[in-house]
Amino acid sequence: MSNSKSVFETLNSINVNDKVEKKNNLTYLSWAWAWAEVKKNYPTATYTIYEDVNGMFYHTDGKTAWVKTGVTINDQEHIEYLPVMDYRNNSILLDKITSVDVNKTIQRSLTKAIARHGLGLYVYAGEDLPGGETNLWQSPHRESLNTSKKPVAKKMTTIELNVGDENWDKVLKYVVANKSKGLKVIGEELKTKYSMTTAVKKEIANAI
């Protein structure tokens, strides 16, 4: 049996703390640095920016937009979908999106696709779910990201989600931006944070 580390083990063991920045509630890991680390360890790694049917570098539902990127290491591709957002972490309306917005989103999406292979994955724990705080796994480097406060264990609880309540809009935005994942995956993700009635589940299904 081989004792060599997997791609995930190799990249996840790299401490990225001094490369991380926090801006307006968004976590940023340098795209150039992350890609350089991947190429140093896996020279044949490649990335893909997926175009839509019209050759655009973003995809849209007619209201907002998102990008789709993929990073392939050792013939395994991890894909990341990321909405085009403003500085307040809200989706930008389609008619307000600029090429700069799309370019920044692509770079951040690629960095997160790299994270799916292990590099800096702990940085993004709990970020993707709307209002998410849950860390479902541990990393040897995550604790030192926030040295001012010691992590406090929290009991897993769910929030009752209703159509039109204070959480509905952000949940709906998340569903629309990630609908390519499919109803089953999105439903499982939301269940870790929210309790939903049949009526709510039906509205989410309609949005997809």
N, C-alpha and C. Protein backbone atom coordinates (compact mmCIF):
# COMPACT_ATOMS: atom_id res chain seq x y z
N MET A 1 0.84 -1.20 0.00
CA MET A 1 0.00 0.00 0.00
C MET A 1 0.88 1.25 0.00
N SER A 2 0.56 2.22 -0.82
CA SER A 2 1.36 3.43 -0.95
C SER A 2 1.12 4.36 0.23
N ASN A 3 2.22 5.00 0.71
CA ASN A 3 2.12 5.95 1.80
C ASN A 3 2.10 7.39 1.31
N SER A 4 2.07 7.57 -0.03
CA SER A 4 2.09 8.92 -0.58
C SER A 4 0.78 9.63 -0.26
N LYS A 5 0.88 10.93 -0.06
CA LYS A 5 -0.30 11.72 0.27
C LYS A 5 -1.18 11.91 -0.96
N SER A 6 -2.48 12.05 -0.71
CA SER A 6 -3.40 12.38 -1.79
C SER A 6 -3.27 13.85 -2.12
N VAL A 7 -3.88 14.28 -3.23
CA VAL A 7 -3.87 15.69 -3.61
C VAL A 7 -4.47 16.52 -2.49
N PHE A 8 -5.59 16.08 -1.97
CA PHE A 8 -6.26 16.84 -0.91
C PHE A 8 -5.39 16.96 0.33
N GLU A 9 -4.77 15.86 0.74
CA GLU A 9 -3.93 15.89 1.94
C GLU A 9 -2.74 16.82 1.76
N THR A 10 -2.16 16.80 0.57
CA THR A 10 -1.01 17.65 0.29
C THR A 10 -1.37 19.13 0.35
N LEU A 11 -2.44 19.51 -0.35
CA LEU A 11 -2.82 20.92 -0.43
C LEU A 11 -3.46 21.42 0.87
N ASN A 12 -4.22 20.55 1.53
CA ASN A 12 -4.89 20.96 2.76
C ASN A 12 -3.91 21.17 3.92
N SER A 13 -2.71 20.62 3.78
CA SER A 13 -1.70 20.76 4.84
C SER A 13 -0.95 22.08 4.74
N ILE A 14 -1.17 22.85 3.67
CA ILE A 14 -0.48 24.13 3.48
C ILE A 14 -1.20 25.23 4.25
N ASN A 15 -0.46 25.95 5.07
CA ASN A 15 -1.02 27.05 5.86
C ASN A 15 -1.15 28.29 4.99
N VAL A 16 -2.38 28.78 4.81
CA VAL A 16 -2.63 29.94 3.94
C VAL A 16 -2.98 31.20 4.74
N ASN A 17 -2.88 31.14 6.05
CA ASN A 17 -3.38 32.23 6.89
C ASN A 17 -2.81 33.60 6.54
N ASP A 18 -1.51 33.65 6.22
CA ASP A 18 -0.91 34.95 5.93
C ASP A 18 -1.21 35.43 4.52
N LYS A 19 -1.98 34.64 3.76
CA LYS A 19 -2.37 35.03 2.40
C LYS A 19 -3.84 35.42 2.32
N VAL A 20 -4.53 35.40 3.44
CA VAL A 20 -5.98 35.63 3.47
C VAL A 20 -6.29 37.08 3.84
N GLU A 21 -7.27 37.65 3.13
CA GLU A 21 -7.77 38.99 3.45
C GLU A 21 -9.28 38.92 3.61
N LYS A 22 -9.82 39.79 4.44
CA LYS A 22 -11.26 39.85 4.66
C LYS A 22 -11.74 41.23 4.24
N LYS A 23 -12.67 41.28 3.28
CA LYS A 23 -13.21 42.55 2.81
C LYS A 23 -14.73 42.45 2.73
N ASN A 24 -15.42 43.33 3.49
CA ASN A 24 -16.89 43.39 3.42
C ASN A 24 -17.54 42.03 3.58
N ASN A 25 -17.09 41.29 4.58
CA ASN A 25 -17.65 39.97 4.91
C ASN A 25 -17.32 38.89 3.89
N LEU A 26 -16.45 39.19 2.93
CA LEU A 26 -16.00 38.18 1.98
C LEU A 26 -14.56 37.81 2.27
N THR A 27 -14.24 36.54 2.11
CA THR A 27 -12.88 36.06 2.35
C THR A 27 -12.14 35.98 1.03
N TYR A 28 -10.95 36.55 0.99
CA TYR A 28 -10.17 36.55 -0.23
C TYR A 28 -8.83 35.86 -0.01
N LEU A 29 -8.54 34.90 -0.85
CA LEU A 29 -7.23 34.26 -0.90
C LEU A 29 -6.65 34.58 -2.26
N SER A 30 -5.43 35.08 -2.32
CA SER A 30 -4.84 35.51 -3.57
C SER A 30 -4.91 34.43 -4.64
N TRP A 31 -5.58 34.74 -5.75
CA TRP A 31 -5.70 33.81 -6.85
C TRP A 31 -4.32 33.44 -7.41
N ALA A 32 -3.46 34.43 -7.62
CA ALA A 32 -2.13 34.18 -8.20
C ALA A 32 -1.30 33.28 -7.29
N TRP A 33 -1.35 33.55 -5.99
CA TRP A 33 -0.59 32.73 -5.05
C TRP A 33 -1.12 31.30 -5.00
N ALA A 34 -2.45 31.17 -4.94
CA ALA A 34 -3.05 29.84 -4.87
C ALA A 34 -2.71 29.01 -6.10
N TRP A 35 -2.80 29.63 -7.27
CA TRP A 35 -2.49 28.90 -8.50
C TRP A 35 -1.01 28.53 -8.55
N ALA A 36 -0.14 29.42 -8.08
CA ALA A 36 1.29 29.12 -8.05
C ALA A 36 1.58 27.92 -7.15
N GLU A 37 0.89 27.85 -6.01
CA GLU A 37 1.09 26.72 -5.10
C GLU A 37 0.64 25.40 -5.74
N VAL A 38 -0.49 25.47 -6.46
CA VAL A 38 -0.98 24.27 -7.14
C VAL A 38 0.02 23.81 -8.20
N LYS A 39 0.51 24.75 -9.01
CA LYS A 39 1.43 24.39 -10.09
C LYS A 39 2.77 23.91 -9.57
N LYS A 40 3.20 24.41 -8.42
CA LYS A 40 4.46 23.93 -7.84
C LYS A 40 4.34 22.45 -7.45
N ASN A 41 3.18 22.10 -6.94
CA ASN A 41 2.96 20.72 -6.49
C ASN A 41 2.47 19.81 -7.62
N TYR A 42 1.71 20.38 -8.56
CA TYR A 42 1.12 19.58 -9.65
C TYR A 42 1.23 20.35 -10.96
N PRO A 43 2.39 20.25 -11.63
CA PRO A 43 2.67 21.05 -12.84
C PRO A 43 1.68 20.87 -13.98
N THR A 44 0.98 19.74 -14.03
CA THR A 44 0.05 19.49 -15.13
C THR A 44 -1.37 19.99 -14.83
N ALA A 45 -1.56 20.62 -13.70
CA ALA A 45 -2.90 21.11 -13.33
C ALA A 45 -3.39 22.14 -14.35
N THR A 46 -4.69 22.16 -14.60
CA THR A 46 -5.29 23.11 -15.53
C THR A 46 -6.56 23.70 -14.92
N TYR A 47 -7.01 24.84 -15.49
CA TYR A 47 -8.28 25.40 -15.05
C TYR A 47 -9.13 25.74 -16.27
N THR A 48 -10.43 25.83 -16.05
CA THR A 48 -11.38 26.11 -17.12
C THR A 48 -12.37 27.17 -16.65
N ILE A 49 -12.63 28.14 -17.53
CA ILE A 49 -13.69 29.12 -17.31
C ILE A 49 -14.80 28.77 -18.28
N TYR A 50 -15.93 28.35 -17.77
CA TYR A 50 -17.01 27.86 -18.62
C TYR A 50 -17.85 29.01 -19.17
N GLU A 51 -17.98 29.03 -20.49
CA GLU A 51 -18.80 30.05 -21.15
C GLU A 51 -20.25 29.57 -21.26
N ASP A 52 -21.17 30.53 -21.46
CA ASP A 52 -22.55 30.13 -21.72
C ASP A 52 -22.72 29.88 -23.22
N VAL A 53 -23.93 29.62 -23.66
CA VAL A 53 -24.17 29.26 -25.06
C VAL A 53 -23.84 30.41 -26.01
N ASN A 54 -23.77 31.63 -25.47
CA ASN A 54 -23.47 32.80 -26.30
C ASN A 54 -22.00 33.20 -26.23
N GLY A 55 -21.19 32.39 -25.57
CA GLY A 55 -19.77 32.69 -25.48
C GLY A 55 -19.43 33.69 -24.39
N MET A 56 -20.38 33.97 -23.49
CA MET A 56 -20.13 34.90 -22.39
C MET A 56 -19.49 34.15 -21.23
N PHE A 57 -18.68 34.86 -20.44
CA PHE A 57 -18.00 34.24 -19.32
C PHE A 57 -18.86 34.21 -18.05
N TYR A 58 -20.13 34.57 -18.17
CA TYR A 58 -21.04 34.44 -17.04
C TYR A 58 -22.34 33.82 -17.52
N HIS A 59 -23.10 33.29 -16.58
CA HIS A 59 -24.38 32.65 -16.85
C HIS A 59 -25.45 33.45 -16.12
N THR A 60 -26.66 33.46 -16.67
CA THR A 60 -27.69 34.31 -16.09
C THR A 60 -29.07 33.68 -16.14
N ASP A 61 -29.91 34.09 -15.18
CA ASP A 61 -31.32 33.70 -15.15
C ASP A 61 -32.19 34.85 -15.64
N GLY A 62 -31.55 35.88 -16.20
CA GLY A 62 -32.27 37.05 -16.68
C GLY A 62 -32.36 38.16 -15.64
N LYS A 63 -32.01 37.86 -14.40
CA LYS A 63 -32.07 38.85 -13.33
C LYS A 63 -30.69 39.13 -12.75
N THR A 64 -29.99 38.06 -12.38
CA THR A 64 -28.64 38.17 -11.84
C THR A 64 -27.72 37.25 -12.64
N ALA A 65 -26.49 37.09 -12.19
CA ALA A 65 -25.55 36.26 -12.95
C ALA A 65 -24.59 35.53 -12.01
N TRP A 66 -23.97 34.50 -12.56
CA TRP A 66 -22.96 33.75 -11.82
C TRP A 66 -21.92 33.22 -12.81
N VAL A 67 -20.78 32.82 -12.31
CA VAL A 67 -19.74 32.24 -13.16
C VAL A 67 -19.56 30.78 -12.78
N LYS A 68 -19.00 30.03 -13.71
CA LYS A 68 -18.71 28.61 -13.50
C LYS A 68 -17.27 28.35 -13.88
N THR A 69 -16.49 27.86 -12.95
CA THR A 69 -15.08 27.56 -13.22
C THR A 69 -14.76 26.15 -12.74
N GLY A 70 -13.68 25.61 -13.25
CA GLY A 70 -13.24 24.29 -12.83
C GLY A 70 -11.72 24.22 -12.77
N VAL A 71 -11.21 23.46 -11.83
CA VAL A 71 -9.78 23.22 -11.70
C VAL A 71 -9.55 21.72 -11.70
N THR A 72 -8.65 21.27 -12.58
CA THR A 72 -8.37 19.85 -12.74
C THR A 72 -6.95 19.55 -12.27
N ILE A 73 -6.84 18.61 -11.34
CA ILE A 73 -5.55 18.15 -10.84
C ILE A 73 -5.55 16.63 -10.90
N ASN A 74 -4.53 16.08 -11.55
CA ASN A 74 -4.43 14.62 -11.69
C ASN A 74 -5.73 14.01 -12.24
N ASP A 75 -6.26 14.67 -13.27
CA ASP A 75 -7.44 14.19 -13.99
C ASP A 75 -8.74 14.28 -13.18
N GLN A 76 -8.71 14.92 -12.02
CA GLN A 76 -9.95 15.12 -11.26
C GLN A 76 -10.29 16.60 -11.26
N GLU A 77 -11.51 16.91 -11.75
CA GLU A 77 -11.95 18.30 -11.81
C GLU A 77 -12.93 18.61 -10.69
N HIS A 78 -12.71 19.76 -10.04
CA HIS A 78 -13.69 20.28 -9.09
C HIS A 78 -14.23 21.58 -9.67
N ILE A 79 -15.55 21.72 -9.68
CA ILE A 79 -16.22 22.87 -10.28
C ILE A 79 -16.79 23.77 -9.20
N GLU A 80 -16.72 25.06 -9.43
CA GLU A 80 -17.25 26.04 -8.49
C GLU A 80 -18.19 27.01 -9.22
N TYR A 81 -19.36 27.23 -8.65
CA TYR A 81 -20.30 28.24 -9.14
C TYR A 81 -20.29 29.40 -8.15
N LEU A 82 -20.20 30.62 -8.64
CA LEU A 82 -20.15 31.76 -7.74
C LEU A 82 -20.95 32.92 -8.32
N PRO A 83 -21.90 33.47 -7.56
CA PRO A 83 -22.68 34.62 -8.06
C PRO A 83 -21.83 35.87 -8.19
N VAL A 84 -22.17 36.72 -9.13
CA VAL A 84 -21.50 38.02 -9.29
C VAL A 84 -22.11 38.95 -8.26
N MET A 85 -21.28 39.36 -7.27
CA MET A 85 -21.81 40.11 -6.13
C MET A 85 -21.16 41.48 -6.00
N ASP A 86 -21.85 42.37 -5.28
CA ASP A 86 -21.29 43.69 -5.00
C ASP A 86 -20.53 43.66 -3.67
N TYR A 87 -20.08 44.82 -3.22
CA TYR A 87 -19.26 44.87 -2.02
C TYR A 87 -20.04 44.54 -0.75
N ARG A 88 -21.38 44.51 -0.86
CA ARG A 88 -22.21 44.14 0.28
C ARG A 88 -22.57 42.66 0.28
N ASN A 89 -21.98 41.93 -0.63
CA ASN A 89 -22.23 40.48 -0.72
C ASN A 89 -23.63 40.18 -1.24
N ASN A 90 -24.19 41.10 -2.04
CA ASN A 90 -25.48 40.91 -2.68
C ASN A 90 -25.29 40.71 -4.18
N SER A 91 -26.13 39.90 -4.79
CA SER A 91 -26.04 39.70 -6.23
C SER A 91 -26.28 41.01 -6.97
N ILE A 92 -25.49 41.26 -8.00
CA ILE A 92 -25.63 42.47 -8.81
C ILE A 92 -26.68 42.20 -9.89
N LEU A 93 -27.59 43.14 -10.09
CA LEU A 93 -28.59 42.99 -11.14
C LEU A 93 -27.89 42.92 -12.50
N LEU A 94 -28.47 42.14 -13.40
CA LEU A 94 -27.83 41.86 -14.68
C LEU A 94 -27.45 43.12 -15.44
N ASP A 95 -28.33 44.12 -15.47
CA ASP A 95 -28.05 45.31 -16.26
C ASP A 95 -27.03 46.24 -15.59
N LYS A 96 -26.57 45.88 -14.39
CA LYS A 96 -25.58 46.68 -13.68
C LYS A 96 -24.19 46.02 -13.68
N ILE A 97 -24.12 44.80 -14.18
CA ILE A 97 -22.86 44.05 -14.13
C ILE A 97 -21.86 44.59 -15.15
N THR A 98 -20.61 44.74 -14.71
CA THR A 98 -19.53 45.19 -15.59
C THR A 98 -18.54 44.05 -15.82
N SER A 99 -17.67 44.24 -16.80
CA SER A 99 -16.65 43.22 -17.06
C SER A 99 -15.70 43.07 -15.87
N VAL A 100 -15.48 44.16 -15.13
CA VAL A 100 -14.63 44.09 -13.94
C VAL A 100 -15.28 43.19 -12.88
N ASP A 101 -16.59 43.34 -12.70
CA ASP A 101 -17.31 42.49 -11.74
C ASP A 101 -17.15 41.01 -12.10
N VAL A 102 -17.30 40.71 -13.38
CA VAL A 102 -17.20 39.33 -13.83
C VAL A 102 -15.78 38.81 -13.65
N ASN A 103 -14.79 39.61 -13.99
CA ASN A 103 -13.40 39.18 -13.87
C ASN A 103 -13.03 38.88 -12.42
N LYS A 104 -13.45 39.75 -11.50
CA LYS A 104 -13.16 39.51 -10.09
C LYS A 104 -13.84 38.24 -9.58
N THR A 105 -15.07 38.02 -10.04
CA THR A 105 -15.80 36.83 -9.62
C THR A 105 -15.14 35.57 -10.16
N ILE A 106 -14.65 35.62 -11.39
CA ILE A 106 -13.95 34.47 -11.97
C ILE A 106 -12.72 34.12 -11.15
N GLN A 107 -11.94 35.14 -10.79
CA GLN A 107 -10.73 34.88 -10.00
C GLN A 107 -11.06 34.27 -8.65
N ARG A 108 -12.11 34.79 -8.00
CA ARG A 108 -12.48 34.25 -6.70
C ARG A 108 -13.07 32.84 -6.83
N SER A 109 -13.82 32.61 -7.91
CA SER A 109 -14.39 31.30 -8.16
C SER A 109 -13.29 30.26 -8.39
N LEU A 110 -12.27 30.64 -9.15
CA LEU A 110 -11.15 29.72 -9.39
C LEU A 110 -10.42 29.40 -8.08
N THR A 111 -10.26 30.41 -7.23
CA THR A 111 -9.59 30.18 -5.95
C THR A 111 -10.40 29.20 -5.11
N LYS A 112 -11.73 29.32 -5.16
CA LYS A 112 -12.57 28.41 -4.39
C LYS A 112 -12.61 27.02 -5.02
N ALA A 113 -12.46 26.94 -6.34
CA ALA A 113 -12.36 25.63 -6.99
C ALA A 113 -11.07 24.94 -6.56
N ILE A 114 -10.00 25.73 -6.44
CA ILE A 114 -8.74 25.19 -5.93
C ILE A 114 -8.93 24.70 -4.49
N ALA A 115 -9.69 25.47 -3.71
CA ALA A 115 -9.94 25.10 -2.32
C ALA A 115 -10.64 23.75 -2.22
N ARG A 116 -11.47 23.43 -3.19
CA ARG A 116 -12.15 22.12 -3.19
C ARG A 116 -11.13 20.98 -3.29
N HIS A 117 -9.97 21.27 -3.84
CA HIS A 117 -8.89 20.28 -3.89
C HIS A 117 -8.10 20.26 -2.58
N GLY A 118 -8.38 21.21 -1.68
CA GLY A 118 -7.74 21.20 -0.36
C GLY A 118 -7.04 22.47 0.05
N LEU A 119 -6.55 23.26 -0.90
CA LEU A 119 -5.75 24.43 -0.55
C LEU A 119 -6.62 25.55 0.02
N GLY A 120 -6.51 25.79 1.32
CA GLY A 120 -7.28 26.87 1.95
C GLY A 120 -8.75 26.56 2.14
N LEU A 121 -9.13 25.31 2.04
CA LEU A 121 -10.55 24.98 2.15
C LEU A 121 -11.13 25.42 3.50
N TYR A 122 -10.33 25.32 4.55
CA TYR A 122 -10.82 25.69 5.88
C TYR A 122 -11.21 27.17 5.97
N VAL A 123 -10.65 27.99 5.09
CA VAL A 123 -10.96 29.42 5.09
C VAL A 123 -12.44 29.67 4.81
N TYR A 124 -13.02 28.82 3.96
CA TYR A 124 -14.38 29.07 3.49
C TYR A 124 -15.45 28.30 4.28
N ALA A 125 -15.09 27.68 5.37
CA ALA A 125 -16.04 26.86 6.13
C ALA A 125 -17.26 27.67 6.53
N GLY A 126 -18.45 27.20 6.14
CA GLY A 126 -19.70 27.84 6.53
C GLY A 126 -20.08 29.05 5.71
N GLU A 127 -19.23 29.46 4.74
CA GLU A 127 -19.52 30.69 4.00
C GLU A 127 -20.63 30.53 2.98
N ASP A 128 -20.74 29.34 2.38
CA ASP A 128 -21.61 29.19 1.23
C ASP A 128 -23.09 29.13 1.56
N LEU A 129 -23.45 28.60 2.74
CA LEU A 129 -24.86 28.57 3.08
C LEU A 129 -25.31 29.96 3.51
N PRO A 130 -26.51 30.37 3.12
CA PRO A 130 -26.99 31.70 3.52
C PRO A 130 -27.07 31.80 5.03
N GLY A 131 -26.37 32.77 5.58
CA GLY A 131 -26.34 32.92 7.03
C GLY A 131 -25.57 31.83 7.72
N GLY A 132 -24.77 31.06 6.96
CA GLY A 132 -24.11 29.87 7.50
C GLY A 132 -23.03 30.20 8.51
N GLU A 133 -22.99 29.40 9.57
CA GLU A 133 -21.95 29.54 10.57
C GLU A 133 -21.33 28.18 10.87
N THR A 134 -21.86 27.13 10.27
CA THR A 134 -21.51 25.78 10.67
C THR A 134 -20.20 25.31 10.06
N ASN A 135 -19.30 24.84 10.90
CA ASN A 135 -18.05 24.24 10.45
C ASN A 135 -18.18 22.74 10.64
N LEU A 136 -18.32 22.00 9.55
CA LEU A 136 -18.57 20.57 9.63
C LEU A 136 -17.30 19.74 9.64
N TRP A 137 -16.14 20.40 9.54
CA TRP A 137 -14.89 19.67 9.54
C TRP A 137 -13.81 20.57 10.12
N GLN A 138 -12.65 20.02 10.38
CA GLN A 138 -11.59 20.78 11.02
C GLN A 138 -10.34 20.80 10.14
N SER A 139 -9.50 21.79 10.33
CA SER A 139 -8.21 21.89 9.68
C SER A 139 -7.18 22.30 10.72
N PRO A 140 -5.93 21.84 10.59
CA PRO A 140 -4.92 22.21 11.57
C PRO A 140 -4.59 23.70 11.58
N HIS A 141 -5.04 24.44 10.54
CA HIS A 141 -4.69 25.85 10.45
C HIS A 141 -5.86 26.78 10.73
N ARG A 142 -7.08 26.28 10.75
CA ARG A 142 -8.24 27.15 10.84
C ARG A 142 -8.28 27.95 12.14
N GLU A 143 -7.93 27.33 13.26
CA GLU A 143 -8.09 27.98 14.55
C GLU A 143 -7.28 29.27 14.63
N SER A 144 -6.11 29.31 13.97
CA SER A 144 -5.25 30.48 14.06
C SER A 144 -5.68 31.61 13.14
N LEU A 145 -6.75 31.41 12.35
CA LEU A 145 -7.25 32.50 11.50
C LEU A 145 -7.78 33.65 12.35
N ASN A 146 -8.44 33.33 13.47
CA ASN A 146 -8.99 34.35 14.34
C ASN A 146 -8.41 34.16 15.74
N THR A 147 -7.34 34.86 16.02
CA THR A 147 -6.64 34.66 17.28
C THR A 147 -7.23 35.48 18.41
N SER A 148 -8.12 36.44 18.08
CA SER A 148 -8.67 37.32 19.11
C SER A 148 -9.73 36.63 19.95
N LYS A 149 -10.40 35.63 19.38
CA LYS A 149 -11.44 34.94 20.12
C LYS A 149 -11.25 33.43 20.00
N LYS A 150 -11.47 32.74 21.10
CA LYS A 150 -11.40 31.30 21.05
C LYS A 150 -12.73 30.76 20.54
N PRO A 151 -12.68 29.73 19.66
CA PRO A 151 -13.94 29.20 19.13
C PRO A 151 -14.78 28.58 20.23
N VAL A 152 -16.08 28.87 20.18
CA VAL A 152 -17.01 28.31 21.15
C VAL A 152 -17.90 27.30 20.45
N ALA A 153 -17.98 26.12 21.02
CA ALA A 153 -18.80 25.07 20.41
C ALA A 153 -20.26 25.49 20.45
N LYS A 154 -20.92 25.33 19.29
CA LYS A 154 -22.33 25.69 19.20
C LYS A 154 -23.17 24.45 18.90
N LYS A 155 -24.30 24.38 19.55
CA LYS A 155 -25.22 23.29 19.30
C LYS A 155 -25.91 23.51 17.97
N MET A 156 -25.99 22.44 17.17
CA MET A 156 -26.63 22.54 15.86
C MET A 156 -28.13 22.76 16.02
N THR A 157 -28.64 23.87 15.53
CA THR A 157 -30.07 24.15 15.56
C THR A 157 -30.50 24.59 14.16
N THR A 158 -31.80 24.51 13.91
CA THR A 158 -32.31 24.94 12.62
C THR A 158 -33.29 26.09 12.81
N ILE A 159 -33.37 26.92 11.77
CA ILE A 159 -34.26 28.07 11.79
C ILE A 159 -35.48 27.75 10.92
N GLU A 160 -36.64 28.07 11.41
CA GLU A 160 -37.85 27.84 10.62
C GLU A 160 -37.89 28.83 9.46
N LEU A 161 -37.96 28.32 8.25
CA LEU A 161 -37.98 29.16 7.06
C LEU A 161 -39.39 29.25 6.51
N ASN A 162 -39.85 30.49 6.28
CA ASN A 162 -41.17 30.72 5.70
C ASN A 162 -41.06 31.67 4.52
N VAL A 163 -41.92 31.49 3.54
CA VAL A 163 -41.93 32.37 2.38
C VAL A 163 -42.20 33.80 2.81
N GLY A 164 -41.29 34.72 2.44
CA GLY A 164 -41.47 36.12 2.75
C GLY A 164 -40.87 36.58 4.07
N ASP A 165 -40.32 35.65 4.88
CA ASP A 165 -39.73 36.10 6.14
C ASP A 165 -38.34 36.70 5.91
N GLU A 166 -37.67 37.07 6.99
CA GLU A 166 -36.41 37.81 6.87
C GLU A 166 -35.29 37.00 6.22
N ASN A 167 -35.40 35.68 6.21
CA ASN A 167 -34.37 34.84 5.60
C ASN A 167 -34.71 34.42 4.17
N TRP A 168 -35.94 34.65 3.76
CA TRP A 168 -36.42 34.13 2.49
C TRP A 168 -35.65 34.67 1.30
N ASP A 169 -35.41 35.98 1.26
CA ASP A 169 -34.74 36.59 0.10
C ASP A 169 -33.34 36.04 -0.10
N LYS A 170 -32.57 35.94 0.98
CA LYS A 170 -31.20 35.45 0.82
C LYS A 170 -31.16 33.97 0.47
N VAL A 171 -32.12 33.21 0.99
CA VAL A 171 -32.20 31.79 0.62
C VAL A 171 -32.55 31.65 -0.86
N LEU A 172 -33.50 32.45 -1.32
CA LEU A 172 -33.92 32.39 -2.72
C LEU A 172 -32.77 32.78 -3.64
N LYS A 173 -32.00 33.80 -3.26
CA LYS A 173 -30.84 34.20 -4.06
C LYS A 173 -29.83 33.07 -4.14
N TYR A 174 -29.62 32.40 -3.02
CA TYR A 174 -28.69 31.27 -2.99
C TYR A 174 -29.17 30.15 -3.90
N VAL A 175 -30.46 29.85 -3.84
CA VAL A 175 -31.04 28.78 -4.66
C VAL A 175 -30.87 29.09 -6.15
N VAL A 176 -31.19 30.32 -6.54
CA VAL A 176 -31.10 30.72 -7.95
C VAL A 176 -29.65 30.67 -8.43
N ALA A 177 -28.73 31.16 -7.62
CA ALA A 177 -27.32 31.20 -8.01
C ALA A 177 -26.70 29.82 -8.09
N ASN A 178 -27.28 28.85 -7.38
CA ASN A 178 -26.70 27.51 -7.33
C ASN A 178 -27.62 26.43 -7.90
N LYS A 179 -28.60 26.86 -8.72
CA LYS A 179 -29.60 25.89 -9.18
C LYS A 179 -29.02 24.78 -10.06
N SER A 180 -27.84 25.01 -10.61
CA SER A 180 -27.21 23.97 -11.42
C SER A 180 -26.80 22.76 -10.57
N LYS A 181 -26.77 22.93 -9.25
CA LYS A 181 -26.45 21.81 -8.37
C LYS A 181 -27.60 20.80 -8.33
N GLY A 182 -28.81 21.29 -8.63
CA GLY A 182 -29.98 20.41 -8.59
C GLY A 182 -30.72 20.53 -7.27
N LEU A 183 -32.00 20.20 -7.32
CA LEU A 183 -32.88 20.36 -6.16
C LEU A 183 -32.44 19.51 -4.97
N LYS A 184 -32.01 18.28 -5.23
CA LYS A 184 -31.66 17.37 -4.14
C LYS A 184 -30.48 17.90 -3.33
N VAL A 185 -29.43 18.33 -4.03
CA VAL A 185 -28.23 18.83 -3.34
C VAL A 185 -28.54 20.10 -2.56
N ILE A 186 -29.24 21.05 -3.23
CA ILE A 186 -29.59 22.30 -2.56
C ILE A 186 -30.46 22.03 -1.33
N GLY A 187 -31.40 21.11 -1.47
CA GLY A 187 -32.27 20.78 -0.35
C GLY A 187 -31.50 20.25 0.85
N GLU A 188 -30.53 19.37 0.58
CA GLU A 188 -29.72 18.81 1.67
C GLU A 188 -28.89 19.89 2.34
N GLU A 189 -28.37 20.82 1.54
CA GLU A 189 -27.57 21.92 2.10
C GLU A 189 -28.42 22.82 3.00
N LEU A 190 -29.61 23.17 2.52
CA LEU A 190 -30.47 24.06 3.28
C LEU A 190 -30.96 23.42 4.57
N LYS A 191 -31.15 22.09 4.56
CA LYS A 191 -31.66 21.41 5.74
C LYS A 191 -30.69 21.48 6.92
N THR A 192 -29.40 21.73 6.64
CA THR A 192 -28.45 21.87 7.75
C THR A 192 -28.65 23.16 8.52
N LYS A 193 -29.38 24.10 7.92
CA LYS A 193 -29.57 25.41 8.55
C LYS A 193 -31.04 25.71 8.84
N TYR A 194 -31.94 25.21 7.98
CA TYR A 194 -33.34 25.59 8.08
C TYR A 194 -34.28 24.38 8.18
N SER A 195 -35.40 24.59 8.85
CA SER A 195 -36.51 23.64 8.80
C SER A 195 -37.55 24.23 7.84
N MET A 196 -38.09 23.39 6.95
CA MET A 196 -38.95 23.89 5.87
C MET A 196 -40.24 23.09 5.77
N THR A 197 -41.32 23.80 5.53
CA THR A 197 -42.61 23.15 5.31
C THR A 197 -42.69 22.68 3.86
N THR A 198 -43.71 21.91 3.57
CA THR A 198 -43.92 21.44 2.20
C THR A 198 -44.11 22.60 1.25
N ALA A 199 -44.83 23.63 1.69
CA ALA A 199 -45.08 24.81 0.84
C ALA A 199 -43.77 25.52 0.50
N VAL A 200 -42.88 25.63 1.48
CA VAL A 200 -41.58 26.29 1.25
C VAL A 200 -40.76 25.48 0.27
N LYS A 201 -40.74 24.16 0.46
CA LYS A 201 -39.98 23.29 -0.44
C LYS A 201 -40.50 23.40 -1.87
N LYS A 202 -41.81 23.56 -2.01
CA LYS A 202 -42.41 23.69 -3.35
C LYS A 202 -41.96 24.99 -4.01
N GLU A 203 -41.90 26.08 -3.23
CA GLU A 203 -41.45 27.37 -3.78
C GLU A 203 -39.99 27.30 -4.20
N ILE A 204 -39.17 26.62 -3.42
CA ILE A 204 -37.76 26.46 -3.78
C ILE A 204 -37.62 25.64 -5.04
N ALA A 205 -38.43 24.58 -5.17
CA ALA A 205 -38.39 23.76 -6.38
C ALA A 205 -38.80 24.57 -7.60
N ASN A 206 -39.76 25.46 -7.44
CA ASN A 206 -40.19 26.32 -8.57
C ASN A 206 -39.10 27.27 -8.98
N ALA A 207 -38.29 27.71 -8.03
CA ALA A 207 -37.20 28.64 -8.34
C ALA A 207 -36.09 27.96 -9.15
N ILE A 208 -35.97 26.65 -8.98
CA ILE A 208 -34.96 25.89 -9.71
C ILE A 208 -35.47 25.48 -11.09
